[in-house]
Structures are given as C-alpha cells and as structure tokens.
Amino acid sequence: MILAAHTGAVMASFLKQARVMNIQGSSIFVPSDNDDQAIVASAGVAAEGVSLFSTESPKESPARSRYRSEYERRFKRSPDPLSRHAYDQLILTARALSGCKRDISCAQSRIEAASEYDGASGQFSMTSERTPLRPLYRKQVRDGAFRFVE
C-alpha cells in the first residue's frame, strides 16, 4: 500500500510512473485534494483503482450544488476540493467577523459554534478547535472518474 502525498500535475505524473513500475492503482491512496477530474484525465489508465478518503458526502446538498454551478459557470471547470473548503472557510470567517463587528474572540466563538453548516463542501459542524467534524467516504477511480465505494 502506498500513500502518495503529491497533488495536481505531480500526482498524475507519479501515477504514470507507478504504472510503469507495475504498481497497481488499487494499492495507492492519495490525499483528498486529488479528487479532481483533471488529475484523473491527465493520469489516464494509470489512475484506475486509486483511492482516497473524501469528506464530501455522496448526497448532494443545495449549497454544494449552487457552488458547483457558479464555479463551473465562472471558471469553465469543476471545482476541486480545496476551492470548496476554502470557500466555506472564507464564508464562515467573514460572517463571524461581520456579526461580531470584527471582535476576534467573538468571531472565534461563533466559528466554534457552527453546527450543521451547509456549505460548498457539504454539511459539517465545528469542534472547539475550529476543525470541521464530518464523516469520511471512500472514493476510488473506476472507469476514469472517482466514484464512491459502498
């Protein structure tokens, strides 16, 4: 089993090199940042079988759907996981700072109190360390795309 820590074009190159060395995709786990169709397309058949753990539920939420539609309209490509998580972080922080008139302690408390937030990356609640709490879902490349594994 290999846990590869690369992302983007470097990941696609790594997967191609692994295939040349007879390392099967089914023995490779990659970070969730690689849940990006552009990487899978670039790696081609070398990506088949590669797995990752995603924090995004297989169930589409209204907020996630809106974000994806707007992102695709504006950038002409699907959003990658980092863009979804960054957007949620920005919105939560901006709302907390605005609602607290820029008082940092107040904003931190509001962020910690976020519960069942429905955002671009799905629904989550925050911990007292201001870390999103949500389940993990396994995805694997099958037929040229990351798909949820039951």
N, C-alpha and C. Protein backbone atom coordinates (compact mmCIF):
# COMPACT_ATOMS: atom_id res chain seq x y z
N MET A 1 0.85 -1.17 0.00
CA MET A 1 0.00 0.00 0.00
C MET A 1 0.89 1.23 0.00
N ILE A 2 0.55 2.21 -0.82
CA ILE A 2 1.30 3.47 -0.91
C ILE A 2 0.35 4.61 -0.59
N LEU A 3 0.78 5.52 0.27
CA LEU A 3 0.06 6.77 0.50
C LEU A 3 0.89 7.85 -0.17
N ALA A 4 0.40 8.39 -1.27
CA ALA A 4 1.13 9.39 -2.03
C ALA A 4 0.68 10.78 -1.62
N ALA A 5 1.61 11.66 -1.30
CA ALA A 5 1.27 12.98 -0.79
C ALA A 5 1.36 14.08 -1.83
N HIS A 6 1.48 13.75 -3.08
CA HIS A 6 1.55 14.77 -4.13
C HIS A 6 0.14 15.22 -4.52
N THR A 7 0.06 16.34 -5.20
CA THR A 7 -1.22 16.81 -5.74
C THR A 7 -1.01 17.33 -7.16
N GLY A 8 -2.10 17.54 -7.85
CA GLY A 8 -2.09 18.15 -9.16
C GLY A 8 -1.31 17.38 -10.21
N ALA A 9 -0.63 18.12 -11.08
CA ALA A 9 0.11 17.53 -12.19
C ALA A 9 1.18 16.57 -11.69
N VAL A 10 1.75 16.84 -10.52
CA VAL A 10 2.76 15.95 -9.95
C VAL A 10 2.13 14.59 -9.64
N MET A 11 0.90 14.60 -9.15
CA MET A 11 0.21 13.34 -8.85
C MET A 11 -0.01 12.54 -10.12
N ALA A 12 -0.47 13.19 -11.17
CA ALA A 12 -0.70 12.48 -12.43
C ALA A 12 0.60 11.85 -12.92
N SER A 13 1.69 12.58 -12.83
CA SER A 13 3.00 12.05 -13.25
C SER A 13 3.41 10.87 -12.38
N PHE A 14 3.21 10.99 -11.06
CA PHE A 14 3.53 9.90 -10.14
C PHE A 14 2.74 8.64 -10.51
N LEU A 15 1.44 8.79 -10.78
CA LEU A 15 0.62 7.63 -11.11
C LEU A 15 1.09 6.96 -12.39
N LYS A 16 1.48 7.74 -13.37
CA LYS A 16 2.01 7.17 -14.62
C LYS A 16 3.31 6.41 -14.36
N GLN A 17 4.18 6.98 -13.54
CA GLN A 17 5.44 6.32 -13.21
C GLN A 17 5.19 5.03 -12.43
N ALA A 18 4.24 5.06 -11.50
CA ALA A 18 3.91 3.86 -10.71
C ALA A 18 3.43 2.75 -11.63
N ARG A 19 2.62 3.09 -12.61
CA ARG A 19 2.11 2.08 -13.55
C ARG A 19 3.25 1.45 -14.33
N VAL A 20 4.20 2.26 -14.77
CA VAL A 20 5.37 1.74 -15.49
C VAL A 20 6.15 0.76 -14.62
N MET A 21 6.15 1.00 -13.29
CA MET A 21 6.87 0.13 -12.35
C MET A 21 5.98 -1.02 -11.87
N ASN A 22 4.85 -1.25 -12.55
CA ASN A 22 3.91 -2.32 -12.21
C ASN A 22 3.28 -2.18 -10.82
N ILE A 23 3.15 -0.96 -10.34
CA ILE A 23 2.44 -0.70 -9.09
C ILE A 23 0.99 -0.41 -9.48
N GLN A 24 0.10 -1.27 -9.03
CA GLN A 24 -1.31 -1.15 -9.38
C GLN A 24 -1.97 0.01 -8.64
N GLY A 25 -2.86 0.71 -9.31
CA GLY A 25 -3.59 1.81 -8.70
C GLY A 25 -4.34 1.39 -7.45
N SER A 26 -4.80 0.15 -7.40
CA SER A 26 -5.57 -0.32 -6.25
C SER A 26 -4.74 -0.38 -4.97
N SER A 27 -3.43 -0.22 -5.06
CA SER A 27 -2.58 -0.21 -3.87
C SER A 27 -2.14 1.20 -3.49
N ILE A 28 -2.75 2.21 -4.12
CA ILE A 28 -2.34 3.60 -3.89
C ILE A 28 -3.50 4.41 -3.30
N PHE A 29 -3.23 5.07 -2.17
CA PHE A 29 -4.15 6.04 -1.57
C PHE A 29 -3.55 7.42 -1.75
N VAL A 30 -4.38 8.39 -2.12
CA VAL A 30 -3.91 9.76 -2.33
C VAL A 30 -4.71 10.70 -1.43
N PRO A 31 -4.18 11.89 -1.13
CA PRO A 31 -4.92 12.86 -0.32
C PRO A 31 -6.21 13.31 -1.02
N SER A 32 -7.18 13.73 -0.25
CA SER A 32 -8.47 14.14 -0.81
C SER A 32 -8.35 15.32 -1.76
N ASP A 33 -7.25 16.08 -1.67
CA ASP A 33 -7.03 17.21 -2.58
C ASP A 33 -6.99 16.75 -4.04
N ASN A 34 -6.73 15.47 -4.26
CA ASN A 34 -6.62 14.94 -5.62
C ASN A 34 -7.95 14.48 -6.20
N ASP A 35 -9.04 14.74 -5.52
CA ASP A 35 -10.36 14.39 -6.02
C ASP A 35 -10.72 15.41 -7.10
N ASP A 36 -10.00 15.32 -8.19
CA ASP A 36 -10.07 16.32 -9.26
C ASP A 36 -10.03 15.58 -10.60
N GLN A 37 -11.06 15.73 -11.39
CA GLN A 37 -11.16 15.03 -12.67
C GLN A 37 -9.99 15.36 -13.59
N ALA A 38 -9.42 16.55 -13.48
CA ALA A 38 -8.29 16.92 -14.34
C ALA A 38 -7.08 16.02 -14.07
N ILE A 39 -6.87 15.65 -12.81
CA ILE A 39 -5.75 14.76 -12.46
C ILE A 39 -6.01 13.38 -13.03
N VAL A 40 -7.23 12.89 -12.85
CA VAL A 40 -7.59 11.56 -13.36
C VAL A 40 -7.45 11.53 -14.88
N ALA A 41 -7.91 12.57 -15.55
CA ALA A 41 -7.81 12.63 -17.01
C ALA A 41 -6.36 12.66 -17.46
N SER A 42 -5.52 13.41 -16.75
CA SER A 42 -4.11 13.50 -17.11
C SER A 42 -3.38 12.18 -16.88
N ALA A 43 -3.72 11.49 -15.80
CA ALA A 43 -3.06 10.21 -15.49
C ALA A 43 -3.59 9.08 -16.38
N GLY A 44 -4.81 9.23 -16.89
CA GLY A 44 -5.38 8.21 -17.76
C GLY A 44 -5.57 6.90 -17.03
N VAL A 45 -5.27 5.78 -17.72
CA VAL A 45 -5.48 4.46 -17.15
C VAL A 45 -4.63 4.22 -15.91
N ALA A 46 -3.57 4.99 -15.71
CA ALA A 46 -2.72 4.85 -14.53
C ALA A 46 -3.47 5.21 -13.25
N ALA A 47 -4.56 5.95 -13.37
CA ALA A 47 -5.34 6.35 -12.19
C ALA A 47 -6.35 5.28 -11.77
N GLU A 48 -6.64 4.32 -12.63
CA GLU A 48 -7.65 3.30 -12.31
C GLU A 48 -7.30 2.57 -11.02
N GLY A 49 -8.26 2.51 -10.10
CA GLY A 49 -8.09 1.80 -8.84
C GLY A 49 -7.57 2.65 -7.69
N VAL A 50 -7.06 3.85 -7.98
CA VAL A 50 -6.53 4.72 -6.93
C VAL A 50 -7.67 5.13 -6.00
N SER A 51 -7.40 5.16 -4.69
CA SER A 51 -8.42 5.50 -3.69
C SER A 51 -8.06 6.76 -2.92
N LEU A 52 -9.08 7.36 -2.34
CA LEU A 52 -8.90 8.47 -1.41
C LEU A 52 -10.07 8.48 -0.44
N PHE A 53 -9.89 9.20 0.66
CA PHE A 53 -10.99 9.43 1.59
C PHE A 53 -11.44 10.85 1.41
N SER A 54 -12.72 11.01 1.11
CA SER A 54 -13.31 12.32 0.88
C SER A 54 -14.18 12.69 2.07
N THR A 55 -14.19 13.97 2.40
CA THR A 55 -15.07 14.46 3.46
C THR A 55 -16.43 14.87 2.90
N GLU A 56 -16.58 14.78 1.59
CA GLU A 56 -17.82 15.21 0.96
C GLU A 56 -18.76 14.04 0.74
N SER A 57 -19.94 14.16 1.26
CA SER A 57 -20.94 13.11 1.21
C SER A 57 -21.37 12.81 -0.23
N PRO A 58 -21.77 11.56 -0.48
CA PRO A 58 -22.32 11.26 -1.80
C PRO A 58 -23.65 11.95 -2.06
N LYS A 59 -24.30 12.44 -0.99
CA LYS A 59 -25.57 13.15 -1.14
C LYS A 59 -25.30 14.62 -1.44
N GLU A 60 -25.84 15.10 -2.53
CA GLU A 60 -25.67 16.50 -2.94
C GLU A 60 -26.54 17.40 -2.08
N SER A 61 -25.96 18.47 -1.57
CA SER A 61 -26.73 19.45 -0.80
C SER A 61 -27.03 20.65 -1.69
N PRO A 62 -28.06 21.43 -1.35
CA PRO A 62 -28.36 22.62 -2.15
C PRO A 62 -27.18 23.60 -2.24
N ALA A 63 -26.49 23.82 -1.12
CA ALA A 63 -25.37 24.76 -1.13
C ALA A 63 -24.22 24.25 -2.00
N ARG A 64 -23.95 22.96 -1.92
CA ARG A 64 -22.87 22.37 -2.74
C ARG A 64 -23.22 22.46 -4.22
N SER A 65 -24.46 22.21 -4.53
CA SER A 65 -24.92 22.28 -5.92
C SER A 65 -24.82 23.70 -6.47
N ARG A 66 -25.24 24.69 -5.67
CA ARG A 66 -25.15 26.10 -6.09
C ARG A 66 -23.69 26.49 -6.33
N TYR A 67 -22.83 26.12 -5.38
CA TYR A 67 -21.42 26.47 -5.52
C TYR A 67 -20.83 25.86 -6.79
N ARG A 68 -21.10 24.57 -7.02
CA ARG A 68 -20.57 23.91 -8.21
C ARG A 68 -21.04 24.59 -9.48
N SER A 69 -22.33 24.92 -9.55
CA SER A 69 -22.87 25.58 -10.75
C SER A 69 -22.21 26.92 -11.00
N GLU A 70 -22.10 27.73 -9.95
CA GLU A 70 -21.47 29.05 -10.10
C GLU A 70 -20.00 28.93 -10.47
N TYR A 71 -19.30 28.01 -9.84
CA TYR A 71 -17.87 27.82 -10.12
C TYR A 71 -17.67 27.40 -11.58
N GLU A 72 -18.47 26.42 -12.04
CA GLU A 72 -18.35 25.95 -13.42
C GLU A 72 -18.70 27.04 -14.41
N ARG A 73 -19.71 27.85 -14.09
CA ARG A 73 -20.07 28.96 -14.98
C ARG A 73 -18.92 29.96 -15.09
N ARG A 74 -18.31 30.26 -13.96
CA ARG A 74 -17.25 31.28 -13.95
C ARG A 74 -15.91 30.78 -14.47
N PHE A 75 -15.51 29.55 -14.08
CA PHE A 75 -14.17 29.07 -14.40
C PHE A 75 -14.13 28.00 -15.49
N LYS A 76 -15.28 27.56 -15.97
CA LYS A 76 -15.38 26.58 -17.05
C LYS A 76 -14.72 25.24 -16.71
N ARG A 77 -14.77 24.87 -15.43
CA ARG A 77 -14.27 23.57 -14.97
C ARG A 77 -14.92 23.26 -13.63
N SER A 78 -14.85 22.01 -13.24
CA SER A 78 -15.41 21.60 -11.95
C SER A 78 -14.53 22.11 -10.81
N PRO A 79 -15.13 22.45 -9.69
CA PRO A 79 -14.33 22.89 -8.55
C PRO A 79 -13.55 21.73 -7.94
N ASP A 80 -12.36 22.01 -7.46
CA ASP A 80 -11.58 20.99 -6.78
C ASP A 80 -11.88 21.07 -5.29
N PRO A 81 -11.52 20.04 -4.52
CA PRO A 81 -11.86 20.05 -3.08
C PRO A 81 -11.30 21.26 -2.34
N LEU A 82 -10.10 21.68 -2.66
CA LEU A 82 -9.53 22.81 -1.93
C LEU A 82 -10.33 24.09 -2.14
N SER A 83 -10.86 24.29 -3.34
CA SER A 83 -11.66 25.51 -3.58
C SER A 83 -12.94 25.47 -2.75
N ARG A 84 -13.56 24.30 -2.63
CA ARG A 84 -14.80 24.18 -1.85
C ARG A 84 -14.53 24.44 -0.36
N HIS A 85 -13.46 23.85 0.15
CA HIS A 85 -13.13 24.04 1.57
C HIS A 85 -12.70 25.49 1.85
N ALA A 86 -11.94 26.08 0.95
CA ALA A 86 -11.51 27.47 1.13
C ALA A 86 -12.72 28.40 1.12
N TYR A 87 -13.66 28.15 0.23
CA TYR A 87 -14.87 28.98 0.16
C TYR A 87 -15.64 28.91 1.48
N ASP A 88 -15.83 27.69 2.00
CA ASP A 88 -16.55 27.55 3.28
C ASP A 88 -15.82 28.28 4.40
N GLN A 89 -14.51 28.15 4.43
CA GLN A 89 -13.72 28.82 5.48
C GLN A 89 -13.88 30.33 5.37
N LEU A 90 -13.82 30.85 4.16
CA LEU A 90 -13.97 32.29 3.94
C LEU A 90 -15.35 32.78 4.39
N ILE A 91 -16.39 32.07 3.99
CA ILE A 91 -17.76 32.48 4.34
C ILE A 91 -17.97 32.44 5.85
N LEU A 92 -17.58 31.33 6.50
CA LEU A 92 -17.74 31.23 7.96
C LEU A 92 -16.98 32.35 8.68
N THR A 93 -15.76 32.61 8.25
CA THR A 93 -14.95 33.64 8.89
C THR A 93 -15.52 35.03 8.66
N ALA A 94 -15.91 35.32 7.42
CA ALA A 94 -16.46 36.64 7.10
C ALA A 94 -17.76 36.90 7.87
N ARG A 95 -18.63 35.89 7.93
CA ARG A 95 -19.89 36.06 8.66
C ARG A 95 -19.64 36.26 10.16
N ALA A 96 -18.69 35.50 10.70
CA ALA A 96 -18.38 35.63 12.12
C ALA A 96 -17.79 37.01 12.42
N LEU A 97 -16.85 37.45 11.60
CA LEU A 97 -16.24 38.77 11.83
C LEU A 97 -17.26 39.89 11.68
N SER A 98 -18.11 39.78 10.68
CA SER A 98 -19.13 40.80 10.45
C SER A 98 -20.13 40.83 11.61
N GLY A 99 -20.62 39.68 12.01
CA GLY A 99 -21.59 39.60 13.09
C GLY A 99 -21.02 40.01 14.43
N CYS A 100 -19.71 39.94 14.56
CA CYS A 100 -19.05 40.30 15.82
C CYS A 100 -18.36 41.66 15.74
N LYS A 101 -18.66 42.40 14.68
CA LYS A 101 -18.05 43.73 14.49
C LYS A 101 -16.52 43.67 14.63
N ARG A 102 -15.97 42.59 14.04
CA ARG A 102 -14.52 42.34 13.96
C ARG A 102 -13.84 42.02 15.29
N ASP A 103 -14.61 41.68 16.31
CA ASP A 103 -14.05 41.25 17.58
C ASP A 103 -13.58 39.79 17.40
N ILE A 104 -12.28 39.57 17.51
CA ILE A 104 -11.70 38.26 17.22
C ILE A 104 -12.22 37.17 18.18
N SER A 105 -12.27 37.44 19.46
CA SER A 105 -12.75 36.42 20.41
C SER A 105 -14.20 36.03 20.12
N CYS A 106 -15.00 37.01 19.84
CA CYS A 106 -16.39 36.75 19.49
C CYS A 106 -16.47 35.92 18.21
N ALA A 107 -15.67 36.28 17.20
CA ALA A 107 -15.68 35.56 15.92
C ALA A 107 -15.24 34.12 16.11
N GLN A 108 -14.21 33.89 16.92
CA GLN A 108 -13.75 32.53 17.19
C GLN A 108 -14.87 31.71 17.82
N SER A 109 -15.58 32.31 18.76
CA SER A 109 -16.69 31.62 19.42
C SER A 109 -17.79 31.27 18.42
N ARG A 110 -18.09 32.19 17.52
CA ARG A 110 -19.13 31.93 16.51
C ARG A 110 -18.72 30.80 15.58
N ILE A 111 -17.45 30.80 15.19
CA ILE A 111 -16.97 29.74 14.29
C ILE A 111 -17.05 28.39 15.01
N GLU A 112 -16.62 28.34 16.27
CA GLU A 112 -16.69 27.11 17.06
C GLU A 112 -18.13 26.61 17.19
N ALA A 113 -19.07 27.53 17.23
CA ALA A 113 -20.47 27.18 17.43
C ALA A 113 -21.19 26.75 16.15
N ALA A 114 -20.52 26.86 15.01
CA ALA A 114 -21.17 26.48 13.75
C ALA A 114 -21.60 25.01 13.81
N SER A 115 -22.87 24.78 13.55
CA SER A 115 -23.42 23.43 13.65
C SER A 115 -24.27 23.14 12.43
N GLU A 116 -24.05 21.98 11.84
CA GLU A 116 -24.78 21.57 10.65
C GLU A 116 -24.76 22.65 9.56
N TYR A 117 -23.59 23.26 9.40
CA TYR A 117 -23.38 24.27 8.36
C TYR A 117 -23.47 23.58 7.00
N ASP A 118 -24.28 24.10 6.11
CA ASP A 118 -24.42 23.55 4.76
C ASP A 118 -23.65 24.44 3.81
N GLY A 119 -22.49 23.96 3.39
CA GLY A 119 -21.62 24.79 2.57
C GLY A 119 -21.23 24.14 1.25
N ALA A 120 -20.27 24.73 0.60
CA ALA A 120 -19.79 24.25 -0.70
C ALA A 120 -19.18 22.86 -0.61
N SER A 121 -18.64 22.52 0.55
CA SER A 121 -18.02 21.20 0.73
C SER A 121 -18.97 20.21 1.41
N GLY A 122 -20.21 20.59 1.57
CA GLY A 122 -21.18 19.71 2.22
C GLY A 122 -21.55 20.22 3.60
N GLN A 123 -22.20 19.37 4.36
CA GLN A 123 -22.66 19.77 5.69
C GLN A 123 -21.67 19.32 6.75
N PHE A 124 -21.39 20.21 7.72
CA PHE A 124 -20.48 19.87 8.82
C PHE A 124 -20.75 20.76 10.02
N SER A 125 -20.21 20.34 11.16
CA SER A 125 -20.23 21.11 12.39
C SER A 125 -18.78 21.35 12.79
N MET A 126 -18.55 22.38 13.59
CA MET A 126 -17.19 22.69 14.01
C MET A 126 -16.92 22.15 15.42
N THR A 127 -15.66 21.80 15.67
CA THR A 127 -15.23 21.38 17.00
C THR A 127 -14.76 22.61 17.77
N SER A 128 -14.44 22.43 19.04
CA SER A 128 -13.94 23.55 19.85
C SER A 128 -12.57 24.01 19.36
N GLU A 129 -11.89 23.19 18.54
CA GLU A 129 -10.60 23.59 17.95
C GLU A 129 -10.81 24.27 16.59
N ARG A 130 -12.08 24.53 16.24
CA ARG A 130 -12.46 25.14 14.97
C ARG A 130 -12.04 24.27 13.77
N THR A 131 -12.24 22.96 13.94
CA THR A 131 -11.98 21.99 12.88
C THR A 131 -13.31 21.39 12.45
N PRO A 132 -13.56 21.29 11.14
CA PRO A 132 -14.82 20.70 10.70
C PRO A 132 -14.92 19.23 11.11
N LEU A 133 -16.07 18.85 11.61
CA LEU A 133 -16.34 17.48 12.01
C LEU A 133 -17.32 16.89 11.00
N ARG A 134 -16.88 15.86 10.31
CA ARG A 134 -17.73 15.20 9.32
C ARG A 134 -17.19 13.80 9.04
N PRO A 135 -18.02 12.92 8.54
CA PRO A 135 -17.55 11.56 8.25
C PRO A 135 -16.66 11.52 7.01
N LEU A 136 -15.94 10.42 6.87
CA LEU A 136 -15.11 10.19 5.68
C LEU A 136 -15.81 9.18 4.78
N TYR A 137 -15.67 9.37 3.48
CA TYR A 137 -16.24 8.48 2.49
C TYR A 137 -15.11 8.05 1.55
N ARG A 138 -15.06 6.77 1.27
CA ARG A 138 -14.01 6.28 0.37
C ARG A 138 -14.46 6.42 -1.07
N LYS A 139 -13.54 6.91 -1.91
CA LYS A 139 -13.77 7.00 -3.34
C LYS A 139 -12.62 6.28 -4.04
N GLN A 140 -12.92 5.73 -5.21
CA GLN A 140 -11.91 5.02 -5.98
C GLN A 140 -12.14 5.33 -7.45
N VAL A 141 -11.04 5.43 -8.20
CA VAL A 141 -11.16 5.69 -9.63
C VAL A 141 -11.62 4.40 -10.31
N ARG A 142 -12.78 4.50 -10.97
CA ARG A 142 -13.33 3.42 -11.78
C ARG A 142 -13.85 4.04 -13.05
N ASP A 143 -13.46 3.47 -14.17
CA ASP A 143 -13.90 3.96 -15.48
C ASP A 143 -13.60 5.44 -15.66
N GLY A 144 -12.41 5.86 -15.21
CA GLY A 144 -11.94 7.23 -15.48
C GLY A 144 -12.46 8.32 -14.58
N ALA A 145 -13.05 7.98 -13.43
CA ALA A 145 -13.54 9.01 -12.52
C ALA A 145 -13.57 8.47 -11.09
N PHE A 146 -13.39 9.37 -10.11
CA PHE A 146 -13.55 8.96 -8.72
C PHE A 146 -15.02 8.68 -8.46
N ARG A 147 -15.29 7.50 -7.89
CA ARG A 147 -16.66 7.11 -7.58
C ARG A 147 -16.70 6.61 -6.13
N PHE A 148 -17.82 6.85 -5.47
CA PHE A 148 -17.96 6.41 -4.08
C PHE A 148 -17.96 4.89 -4.01
N VAL A 149 -17.28 4.36 -2.98
CA VAL A 149 -17.23 2.94 -2.71
C VAL A 149 -18.22 2.64 -1.60
N GLU A 150 -19.06 1.66 -1.81
CA GLU A 150 -20.06 1.28 -0.79
C GLU A 150 -19.37 0.64 0.39
